[in-house]
Amino acid sequence: MSRSSKARFAAAVAGVLAFFAGAASLLRRRRFRRGGPMDIKEISRRLAEDPWQGKLEEVLELVGDDYVAHVPGSAEPFRGKEGFRAFVTTYQTGFPDGRITIDDQIAEGDVVATRWTGRGTHTGELMGLPPTGREITVAGITYSRIADGKVREAWVIWDTLAMMQQLGAVPETMPVRTT
């Protein structure tokens, strides 16, 4: 093979590799638009952060009619868009200045785990607990299943003991019985 033939062959190989790299990039972008991992992370992020930024109505578009949320302290799951609204409104009433910050997310298939931190000042009634004026910080994780661009199921878990301790509803240290 002559030098010029080798150069043309190398250029052709480089062109083919560039073509496939471009095609792979296009496929990744299409996967994002069709519900790939980045897409479900964004949906989960919006459900956590946006209601606290006055965007509850917009976020309801991302909640499936068949939505079921399993939440600590609730005897029954929250169901559908109205269940999501009721859950969020309960905490917005207790913590009007509340906000959620996303700390980390992991997605695979149709599920996403979102680790978050919630902060706020307890200036409104919260499930019968009168306002304390105390600021709280709570860590939590939401594990969500998303299909067709809508959240269908969520398991919301946070440190409820730490929250209640910060609110003064339970002692910061529990007495240990010694016998």
N, C-alpha and C. Protein backbone atom coordinates (compact mmCIF):
# COMPACT_ATOMS: atom_id res chain seq x y z
N MET A 1 0.85 -1.16 0.00
CA MET A 1 0.00 0.00 0.00
C MET A 1 0.90 1.23 0.00
N SER A 2 0.63 2.16 -0.91
CA SER A 2 1.45 3.37 -1.01
C SER A 2 1.11 4.32 0.13
N ARG A 3 1.98 5.30 0.27
CA ARG A 3 1.79 6.30 1.32
C ARG A 3 0.48 7.05 1.15
N SER A 4 0.16 7.43 -0.05
CA SER A 4 -1.08 8.18 -0.28
C SER A 4 -2.30 7.29 -0.04
N SER A 5 -2.19 5.99 -0.35
CA SER A 5 -3.30 5.07 -0.08
C SER A 5 -3.51 4.91 1.42
N LYS A 6 -2.39 4.82 2.17
CA LYS A 6 -2.49 4.72 3.62
C LYS A 6 -3.13 5.97 4.20
N ALA A 7 -2.76 7.12 3.68
CA ALA A 7 -3.31 8.39 4.17
C ALA A 7 -4.81 8.46 3.89
N ARG A 8 -5.22 8.04 2.66
CA ARG A 8 -6.66 8.03 2.33
C ARG A 8 -7.41 7.04 3.21
N PHE A 9 -6.80 5.86 3.44
CA PHE A 9 -7.44 4.87 4.30
C PHE A 9 -7.60 5.41 5.73
N ALA A 10 -6.56 6.05 6.26
CA ALA A 10 -6.62 6.63 7.61
C ALA A 10 -7.69 7.72 7.67
N ALA A 11 -7.77 8.54 6.63
CA ALA A 11 -8.79 9.60 6.59
C ALA A 11 -10.19 8.99 6.54
N ALA A 12 -10.35 7.91 5.77
CA ALA A 12 -11.65 7.26 5.68
C ALA A 12 -12.05 6.66 7.03
N VAL A 13 -11.10 6.01 7.71
CA VAL A 13 -11.38 5.45 9.03
C VAL A 13 -11.76 6.56 10.00
N ALA A 14 -11.02 7.67 9.98
CA ALA A 14 -11.33 8.81 10.85
C ALA A 14 -12.73 9.35 10.55
N GLY A 15 -13.08 9.41 9.27
CA GLY A 15 -14.41 9.89 8.89
C GLY A 15 -15.51 8.97 9.39
N VAL A 16 -15.29 7.66 9.27
CA VAL A 16 -16.28 6.69 9.75
C VAL A 16 -16.42 6.80 11.27
N LEU A 17 -15.29 6.92 11.98
CA LEU A 17 -15.35 7.07 13.43
C LEU A 17 -16.08 8.35 13.83
N ALA A 18 -15.82 9.44 13.12
CA ALA A 18 -16.50 10.70 13.41
C ALA A 18 -18.01 10.56 13.17
N PHE A 19 -18.37 9.85 12.08
CA PHE A 19 -19.79 9.63 11.79
C PHE A 19 -20.46 8.88 12.94
N PHE A 20 -19.82 7.78 13.39
CA PHE A 20 -20.42 6.99 14.46
C PHE A 20 -20.45 7.76 15.79
N ALA A 21 -19.45 8.57 16.04
CA ALA A 21 -19.46 9.40 17.26
C ALA A 21 -20.63 10.38 17.21
N GLY A 22 -20.86 10.98 16.05
CA GLY A 22 -22.00 11.89 15.89
C GLY A 22 -23.32 11.16 16.04
N ALA A 23 -23.41 9.96 15.47
CA ALA A 23 -24.64 9.18 15.58
C ALA A 23 -24.90 8.79 17.03
N ALA A 24 -23.84 8.42 17.76
CA ALA A 24 -24.01 8.06 19.17
C ALA A 24 -24.49 9.26 19.97
N SER A 25 -23.94 10.43 19.67
CA SER A 25 -24.38 11.65 20.36
C SER A 25 -25.86 11.93 20.08
N LEU A 26 -26.28 11.76 18.84
CA LEU A 26 -27.68 11.97 18.47
C LEU A 26 -28.59 10.98 19.20
N LEU A 27 -28.16 9.72 19.29
CA LEU A 27 -28.96 8.72 19.99
C LEU A 27 -29.08 9.06 21.47
N ARG A 28 -27.98 9.55 22.08
CA ARG A 28 -28.05 9.95 23.49
C ARG A 28 -29.05 11.08 23.67
N ARG A 29 -29.05 12.06 22.77
CA ARG A 29 -30.00 13.18 22.87
C ARG A 29 -31.43 12.69 22.70
N ARG A 30 -31.66 11.78 21.77
CA ARG A 30 -33.01 11.24 21.58
C ARG A 30 -33.45 10.46 22.81
N ARG A 31 -32.51 9.71 23.39
CA ARG A 31 -32.84 8.96 24.60
C ARG A 31 -33.25 9.91 25.71
N PHE A 32 -32.58 11.05 25.82
CA PHE A 32 -32.93 12.06 26.82
C PHE A 32 -34.36 12.53 26.61
N ARG A 33 -34.73 12.82 25.39
CA ARG A 33 -36.07 13.32 25.11
C ARG A 33 -37.14 12.26 25.30
N ARG A 34 -36.77 11.01 25.19
CA ARG A 34 -37.76 9.93 25.27
C ARG A 34 -37.82 9.28 26.65
N GLY A 35 -37.23 9.87 27.64
CA GLY A 35 -37.35 9.31 28.99
C GLY A 35 -36.12 8.58 29.48
N GLY A 36 -34.95 8.95 29.02
CA GLY A 36 -33.72 8.34 29.50
C GLY A 36 -33.41 8.83 30.91
N PRO A 37 -32.33 8.34 31.49
CA PRO A 37 -32.00 8.67 32.87
C PRO A 37 -31.93 10.17 33.17
N MET A 38 -31.38 10.98 32.28
CA MET A 38 -31.31 12.41 32.56
C MET A 38 -32.72 12.99 32.63
N ASP A 39 -33.60 12.51 31.82
CA ASP A 39 -34.96 13.01 31.78
C ASP A 39 -35.70 12.71 33.09
N ILE A 40 -35.59 11.51 33.61
CA ILE A 40 -36.29 11.18 34.84
C ILE A 40 -35.67 11.89 36.03
N LYS A 41 -34.39 12.17 35.97
CA LYS A 41 -33.77 12.96 37.03
C LYS A 41 -34.37 14.35 37.06
N GLU A 42 -34.55 14.94 35.91
CA GLU A 42 -35.13 16.28 35.83
C GLU A 42 -36.57 16.29 36.36
N ILE A 43 -37.35 15.29 36.02
CA ILE A 43 -38.73 15.20 36.52
C ILE A 43 -38.72 15.11 38.04
N SER A 44 -37.88 14.26 38.59
CA SER A 44 -37.80 14.10 40.04
C SER A 44 -37.33 15.39 40.70
N ARG A 45 -36.36 16.06 40.10
CA ARG A 45 -35.86 17.32 40.63
C ARG A 45 -36.97 18.35 40.68
N ARG A 46 -37.71 18.46 39.59
CA ARG A 46 -38.80 19.45 39.54
C ARG A 46 -39.87 19.17 40.59
N LEU A 47 -40.21 17.89 40.79
CA LEU A 47 -41.22 17.57 41.81
C LEU A 47 -40.76 17.94 43.21
N ALA A 48 -39.46 17.85 43.47
CA ALA A 48 -38.95 18.19 44.79
C ALA A 48 -38.80 19.70 44.98
N GLU A 49 -38.22 20.39 44.02
CA GLU A 49 -37.87 21.81 44.19
C GLU A 49 -38.98 22.79 43.81
N ASP A 50 -39.63 22.56 42.70
CA ASP A 50 -40.53 23.57 42.12
C ASP A 50 -41.73 23.96 42.98
N PRO A 51 -42.38 23.04 43.70
CA PRO A 51 -43.52 23.49 44.51
C PRO A 51 -43.12 24.56 45.53
N TRP A 52 -41.89 24.53 45.98
CA TRP A 52 -41.39 25.50 46.97
C TRP A 52 -41.01 26.82 46.32
N GLN A 53 -41.08 26.87 45.01
CA GLN A 53 -40.79 28.10 44.27
C GLN A 53 -42.07 28.65 43.64
N GLY A 54 -43.22 28.27 44.17
CA GLY A 54 -44.49 28.76 43.67
C GLY A 54 -44.95 28.13 42.37
N LYS A 55 -44.45 26.94 42.05
CA LYS A 55 -44.78 26.30 40.78
C LYS A 55 -45.53 24.98 40.96
N LEU A 56 -46.38 24.91 41.98
CA LEU A 56 -47.11 23.67 42.24
C LEU A 56 -48.00 23.27 41.07
N GLU A 57 -48.72 24.21 40.50
CA GLU A 57 -49.64 23.88 39.40
C GLU A 57 -48.89 23.34 38.19
N GLU A 58 -47.73 23.92 37.87
CA GLU A 58 -46.94 23.43 36.73
C GLU A 58 -46.44 22.01 36.99
N VAL A 59 -46.03 21.75 38.22
CA VAL A 59 -45.49 20.44 38.58
C VAL A 59 -46.56 19.35 38.52
N LEU A 60 -47.80 19.71 38.79
CA LEU A 60 -48.88 18.71 38.75
C LEU A 60 -48.99 18.03 37.39
N GLU A 61 -48.51 18.70 36.33
CA GLU A 61 -48.51 18.10 34.99
C GLU A 61 -47.60 16.88 34.93
N LEU A 62 -46.65 16.78 35.86
CA LEU A 62 -45.69 15.67 35.87
C LEU A 62 -46.14 14.53 36.79
N VAL A 63 -47.29 14.68 37.41
CA VAL A 63 -47.82 13.66 38.33
C VAL A 63 -48.89 12.85 37.60
N GLY A 64 -48.71 11.53 37.55
CA GLY A 64 -49.69 10.67 36.89
C GLY A 64 -50.99 10.59 37.66
N ASP A 65 -52.08 10.35 36.95
CA ASP A 65 -53.38 10.18 37.61
C ASP A 65 -53.35 8.98 38.55
N ASP A 66 -52.46 8.01 38.25
CA ASP A 66 -52.34 6.80 39.07
C ASP A 66 -51.24 6.92 40.13
N TYR A 67 -50.77 8.12 40.38
CA TYR A 67 -49.69 8.39 41.34
C TYR A 67 -50.03 7.85 42.72
N VAL A 68 -49.04 7.21 43.35
CA VAL A 68 -49.16 6.73 44.73
C VAL A 68 -47.87 7.11 45.45
N ALA A 69 -47.99 7.85 46.57
CA ALA A 69 -46.82 8.24 47.36
C ALA A 69 -46.91 7.62 48.74
N HIS A 70 -45.86 6.92 49.12
CA HIS A 70 -45.75 6.31 50.44
C HIS A 70 -44.89 7.24 51.29
N VAL A 71 -45.48 7.77 52.37
CA VAL A 71 -44.84 8.83 53.14
C VAL A 71 -44.84 8.46 54.62
N PRO A 72 -43.72 8.71 55.34
CA PRO A 72 -43.69 8.40 56.77
C PRO A 72 -44.79 9.14 57.53
N GLY A 73 -45.38 8.47 58.48
CA GLY A 73 -46.39 9.10 59.33
C GLY A 73 -47.78 9.14 58.74
N SER A 74 -47.93 8.69 57.51
CA SER A 74 -49.25 8.71 56.87
C SER A 74 -49.83 7.29 56.88
N ALA A 75 -51.04 7.17 57.41
CA ALA A 75 -51.67 5.85 57.49
C ALA A 75 -51.95 5.27 56.10
N GLU A 76 -52.27 6.14 55.16
CA GLU A 76 -52.58 5.72 53.80
C GLU A 76 -51.68 6.48 52.82
N PRO A 77 -51.37 5.88 51.68
CA PRO A 77 -50.59 6.61 50.68
C PRO A 77 -51.39 7.80 50.12
N PHE A 78 -50.66 8.79 49.63
CA PHE A 78 -51.28 9.90 48.91
C PHE A 78 -51.49 9.43 47.48
N ARG A 79 -52.66 9.71 46.89
CA ARG A 79 -52.98 9.19 45.56
C ARG A 79 -53.36 10.30 44.60
N GLY A 80 -52.86 10.16 43.37
CA GLY A 80 -53.22 11.08 42.29
C GLY A 80 -52.69 12.49 42.49
N LYS A 81 -53.08 13.36 41.56
CA LYS A 81 -52.64 14.76 41.60
C LYS A 81 -53.10 15.45 42.88
N GLU A 82 -54.33 15.17 43.30
CA GLU A 82 -54.85 15.81 44.52
C GLU A 82 -54.12 15.33 45.76
N GLY A 83 -53.71 14.08 45.76
CA GLY A 83 -52.91 13.56 46.87
C GLY A 83 -51.56 14.26 46.94
N PHE A 84 -50.93 14.45 45.76
CA PHE A 84 -49.65 15.17 45.72
C PHE A 84 -49.84 16.59 46.24
N ARG A 85 -50.91 17.25 45.76
CA ARG A 85 -51.20 18.63 46.19
C ARG A 85 -51.40 18.68 47.71
N ALA A 86 -52.17 17.74 48.27
CA ALA A 86 -52.44 17.72 49.71
C ALA A 86 -51.15 17.54 50.51
N PHE A 87 -50.28 16.63 50.06
CA PHE A 87 -49.01 16.39 50.75
C PHE A 87 -48.16 17.66 50.77
N VAL A 88 -47.97 18.26 49.60
CA VAL A 88 -47.14 19.47 49.49
C VAL A 88 -47.74 20.60 50.31
N THR A 89 -49.04 20.81 50.19
CA THR A 89 -49.70 21.92 50.88
C THR A 89 -49.59 21.78 52.40
N THR A 90 -49.65 20.56 52.91
CA THR A 90 -49.49 20.34 54.35
C THR A 90 -48.17 20.91 54.84
N TYR A 91 -47.09 20.62 54.11
CA TYR A 91 -45.77 21.08 54.54
C TYR A 91 -45.54 22.55 54.20
N GLN A 92 -46.13 23.04 53.12
CA GLN A 92 -46.02 24.47 52.82
C GLN A 92 -46.74 25.31 53.87
N THR A 93 -47.82 24.78 54.43
CA THR A 93 -48.53 25.49 55.50
C THR A 93 -47.65 25.58 56.75
N GLY A 94 -46.98 24.51 57.09
CA GLY A 94 -46.11 24.49 58.27
C GLY A 94 -44.82 25.25 58.08
N PHE A 95 -44.29 25.24 56.85
CA PHE A 95 -43.00 25.87 56.54
C PHE A 95 -43.14 26.75 55.30
N PRO A 96 -43.79 27.92 55.42
CA PRO A 96 -44.03 28.76 54.24
C PRO A 96 -42.75 29.19 53.51
N ASP A 97 -41.63 29.27 54.22
CA ASP A 97 -40.37 29.65 53.59
C ASP A 97 -39.54 28.42 53.21
N GLY A 98 -40.15 27.25 53.23
CA GLY A 98 -39.43 26.00 52.98
C GLY A 98 -38.79 25.94 51.60
N ARG A 99 -37.75 25.16 51.52
CA ARG A 99 -37.08 24.93 50.25
C ARG A 99 -36.40 23.56 50.29
N ILE A 100 -36.27 22.99 49.12
CA ILE A 100 -35.62 21.68 48.96
C ILE A 100 -34.41 21.88 48.06
N THR A 101 -33.30 21.29 48.45
CA THR A 101 -32.09 21.31 47.64
C THR A 101 -31.75 19.86 47.28
N ILE A 102 -31.49 19.62 46.00
CA ILE A 102 -31.11 18.27 45.56
C ILE A 102 -29.62 18.10 45.80
N ASP A 103 -29.27 17.02 46.51
CA ASP A 103 -27.87 16.74 46.83
C ASP A 103 -27.25 15.73 45.88
N ASP A 104 -28.07 14.78 45.40
CA ASP A 104 -27.53 13.72 44.54
C ASP A 104 -28.69 12.97 43.90
N GLN A 105 -28.45 12.41 42.73
CA GLN A 105 -29.45 11.58 42.06
C GLN A 105 -28.78 10.42 41.35
N ILE A 106 -29.47 9.29 41.36
CA ILE A 106 -29.03 8.11 40.62
C ILE A 106 -30.25 7.58 39.88
N ALA A 107 -30.09 7.30 38.59
CA ALA A 107 -31.22 6.81 37.79
C ALA A 107 -30.82 5.55 37.04
N GLU A 108 -31.78 4.64 36.93
CA GLU A 108 -31.59 3.45 36.12
C GLU A 108 -32.97 2.99 35.65
N GLY A 109 -33.09 2.79 34.35
CA GLY A 109 -34.37 2.37 33.80
C GLY A 109 -35.43 3.41 34.06
N ASP A 110 -36.51 3.01 34.72
CA ASP A 110 -37.61 3.94 34.98
C ASP A 110 -37.65 4.43 36.43
N VAL A 111 -36.57 4.21 37.18
CA VAL A 111 -36.54 4.65 38.57
C VAL A 111 -35.40 5.64 38.81
N VAL A 112 -35.63 6.54 39.76
CA VAL A 112 -34.61 7.52 40.14
C VAL A 112 -34.64 7.68 41.65
N ALA A 113 -33.46 7.66 42.24
CA ALA A 113 -33.31 7.93 43.67
C ALA A 113 -32.75 9.34 43.80
N THR A 114 -33.43 10.17 44.58
CA THR A 114 -33.04 11.57 44.75
C THR A 114 -32.79 11.82 46.23
N ARG A 115 -31.53 12.18 46.55
CA ARG A 115 -31.18 12.54 47.93
C ARG A 115 -31.30 14.05 48.05
N TRP A 116 -32.01 14.53 49.06
CA TRP A 116 -32.31 15.94 49.17
C TRP A 116 -32.18 16.43 50.61
N THR A 117 -32.12 17.76 50.75
CA THR A 117 -32.14 18.41 52.05
C THR A 117 -33.26 19.42 52.05
N GLY A 118 -34.10 19.36 53.09
CA GLY A 118 -35.19 20.32 53.24
C GLY A 118 -34.87 21.28 54.38
N ARG A 119 -35.17 22.56 54.15
CA ARG A 119 -34.94 23.59 55.17
C ARG A 119 -36.17 24.49 55.25
N GLY A 120 -36.44 25.00 56.43
CA GLY A 120 -37.54 25.94 56.58
C GLY A 120 -37.74 26.34 58.02
N THR A 121 -38.59 27.35 58.20
CA THR A 121 -38.93 27.85 59.52
C THR A 121 -40.37 27.48 59.82
N HIS A 122 -40.59 26.87 60.96
CA HIS A 122 -41.92 26.39 61.33
C HIS A 122 -42.76 27.57 61.85
N THR A 123 -43.43 28.26 60.92
CA THR A 123 -44.25 29.42 61.28
C THR A 123 -45.74 29.19 61.06
N GLY A 124 -46.11 28.00 60.63
CA GLY A 124 -47.52 27.65 60.45
C GLY A 124 -47.81 26.31 61.10
N GLU A 125 -49.09 26.02 61.29
CA GLU A 125 -49.45 24.75 61.91
C GLU A 125 -49.04 23.59 61.00
N LEU A 126 -48.54 22.54 61.63
CA LEU A 126 -48.13 21.35 60.89
C LEU A 126 -48.80 20.14 61.53
N MET A 127 -49.83 19.62 60.91
CA MET A 127 -50.54 18.43 61.38
C MET A 127 -50.87 18.53 62.87
N GLY A 128 -51.40 19.66 63.28
CA GLY A 128 -51.81 19.85 64.66
C GLY A 128 -50.75 20.43 65.57
N LEU A 129 -49.51 20.51 65.11
CA LEU A 129 -48.43 21.09 65.92
C LEU A 129 -48.40 22.60 65.68
N PRO A 130 -48.64 23.41 66.73
CA PRO A 130 -48.64 24.86 66.53
C PRO A 130 -47.26 25.37 66.14
N PRO A 131 -47.19 26.53 65.49
CA PRO A 131 -45.91 27.08 65.05
C PRO A 131 -44.93 27.24 66.22
N THR A 132 -43.68 26.87 65.97
CA THR A 132 -42.64 27.00 66.99
C THR A 132 -41.67 28.12 66.67
N GLY A 133 -41.64 28.56 65.41
CA GLY A 133 -40.67 29.57 64.99
C GLY A 133 -39.27 29.01 64.81
N ARG A 134 -39.12 27.71 64.96
CA ARG A 134 -37.79 27.09 64.85
C ARG A 134 -37.44 26.79 63.40
N GLU A 135 -36.16 26.98 63.10
CA GLU A 135 -35.63 26.60 61.78
C GLU A 135 -35.21 25.14 61.85
N ILE A 136 -35.50 24.41 60.78
CA ILE A 136 -35.11 23.00 60.74
C ILE A 136 -34.36 22.71 59.45
N THR A 137 -33.57 21.66 59.51
CA THR A 137 -32.89 21.09 58.34
C THR A 137 -33.08 19.59 58.43
N VAL A 138 -33.60 19.00 57.36
CA VAL A 138 -33.92 17.58 57.35
C VAL A 138 -33.37 16.94 56.08
N ALA A 139 -32.73 15.78 56.23
CA ALA A 139 -32.23 15.02 55.09
C ALA A 139 -33.25 13.96 54.70
N GLY A 140 -33.37 13.72 53.39
CA GLY A 140 -34.31 12.70 52.93
C GLY A 140 -33.93 12.13 51.59
N ILE A 141 -34.64 11.08 51.23
CA ILE A 141 -34.46 10.42 49.93
C ILE A 141 -35.83 10.11 49.37
N THR A 142 -36.01 10.38 48.09
CA THR A 142 -37.23 10.00 47.40
C THR A 142 -36.85 9.03 46.29
N TYR A 143 -37.51 7.90 46.28
CA TYR A 143 -37.30 6.86 45.27
C TYR A 143 -38.55 6.84 44.40
N SER A 144 -38.41 7.23 43.13
CA SER A 144 -39.58 7.41 42.26
C SER A 144 -39.53 6.50 41.05
N ARG A 145 -40.72 6.04 40.65
CA ARG A 145 -40.87 5.31 39.38
C ARG A 145 -41.59 6.23 38.42
N ILE A 146 -41.00 6.40 37.24
CA ILE A 146 -41.52 7.35 36.26
C ILE A 146 -41.77 6.60 34.96
N ALA A 147 -42.95 6.82 34.37
CA ALA A 147 -43.30 6.21 33.09
C ALA A 147 -44.03 7.25 32.24
N ASP A 148 -43.69 7.30 30.98
CA ASP A 148 -44.32 8.22 30.03
C ASP A 148 -44.25 9.67 30.50
N GLY A 149 -43.12 10.04 31.13
CA GLY A 149 -42.91 11.42 31.55
C GLY A 149 -43.67 11.85 32.78
N LYS A 150 -44.26 10.88 33.51
CA LYS A 150 -45.02 11.21 34.72
C LYS A 150 -44.61 10.30 35.87
N VAL A 151 -44.59 10.88 37.07
CA VAL A 151 -44.28 10.09 38.26
C VAL A 151 -45.50 9.23 38.58
N ARG A 152 -45.27 7.93 38.72
CA ARG A 152 -46.36 6.99 38.99
C ARG A 152 -46.36 6.54 40.45
N GLU A 153 -45.16 6.43 41.03
CA GLU A 153 -45.07 5.98 42.41
C GLU A 153 -43.84 6.60 43.05
N ALA A 154 -43.95 6.92 44.34
CA ALA A 154 -42.82 7.50 45.07
C ALA A 154 -42.80 6.97 46.49
N TRP A 155 -41.61 6.69 46.96
CA TRP A 155 -41.37 6.35 48.36
C TRP A 155 -40.55 7.50 48.91
N VAL A 156 -41.14 8.28 49.81
CA VAL A 156 -40.48 9.46 50.36
C VAL A 156 -40.07 9.13 51.79
N ILE A 157 -38.78 9.24 52.06
CA ILE A 157 -38.25 8.87 53.37
C ILE A 157 -37.39 10.02 53.87
N TRP A 158 -37.66 10.49 55.08
CA TRP A 158 -36.79 11.50 55.66
C TRP A 158 -36.67 11.25 57.15
N ASP A 159 -35.72 11.93 57.76
CA ASP A 159 -35.43 11.75 59.17
C ASP A 159 -36.49 12.46 60.00
N THR A 160 -37.61 11.78 60.20
CA THR A 160 -38.73 12.39 60.92
C THR A 160 -38.39 12.63 62.39
N LEU A 161 -37.57 11.76 62.98
CA LEU A 161 -37.18 11.96 64.38
C LEU A 161 -36.38 13.26 64.52
N ALA A 162 -35.42 13.47 63.63
CA ALA A 162 -34.63 14.71 63.69
C ALA A 162 -35.52 15.93 63.49
N MET A 163 -36.50 15.83 62.59
CA MET A 163 -37.42 16.95 62.37
C MET A 163 -38.20 17.25 63.64
N MET A 164 -38.76 16.21 64.26
CA MET A 164 -39.55 16.42 65.47
C MET A 164 -38.69 16.91 66.64
N GLN A 165 -37.44 16.46 66.71
CA GLN A 165 -36.53 16.97 67.74
C GLN A 165 -36.24 18.45 67.52
N GLN A 166 -35.98 18.83 66.28
CA GLN A 166 -35.70 20.24 65.98
C GLN A 166 -36.90 21.13 66.27
N LEU A 167 -38.10 20.58 66.12
CA LEU A 167 -39.32 21.34 66.41
C LEU A 167 -39.64 21.35 67.91
N GLY A 168 -38.92 20.56 68.70
CA GLY A 168 -39.17 20.49 70.13
C GLY A 168 -40.34 19.60 70.49
N ALA A 169 -40.82 18.82 69.55
CA ALA A 169 -41.97 17.94 69.79
C ALA A 169 -41.57 16.66 70.53
N VAL A 170 -40.30 16.27 70.43
CA VAL A 170 -39.77 15.13 71.19
C VAL A 170 -38.41 15.55 71.74
N PRO A 171 -38.00 14.95 72.87
CA PRO A 171 -36.71 15.33 73.44
C PRO A 171 -35.56 15.04 72.48
N GLU A 172 -34.52 15.87 72.56
CA GLU A 172 -33.35 15.67 71.69
C GLU A 172 -32.64 14.38 72.02
N THR A 173 -32.64 14.01 73.29
CA THR A 173 -32.05 12.73 73.66
C THR A 173 -33.12 11.93 74.38
N MET A 174 -33.19 10.72 74.05
CA MET A 174 -34.17 9.84 74.67
C MET A 174 -33.52 9.22 75.91
N PRO A 175 -34.23 9.19 77.04
CA PRO A 175 -33.65 8.58 78.23
C PRO A 175 -33.41 7.08 78.00
N VAL A 176 -32.30 6.62 78.51
CA VAL A 176 -31.96 5.21 78.40
C VAL A 176 -32.23 4.56 79.75
N ARG A 177 -32.95 3.50 79.73
CA ARG A 177 -33.28 2.79 80.97
C ARG A 177 -32.11 1.91 81.36
N THR A 178 -31.68 2.07 82.59
CA THR A 178 -30.61 1.20 83.09
C THR A 178 -31.17 0.41 84.26
N THR A 179 -30.97 -0.87 84.24
CA THR A 179 -31.49 -1.71 85.33
C THR A 179 -30.40 -2.50 85.96
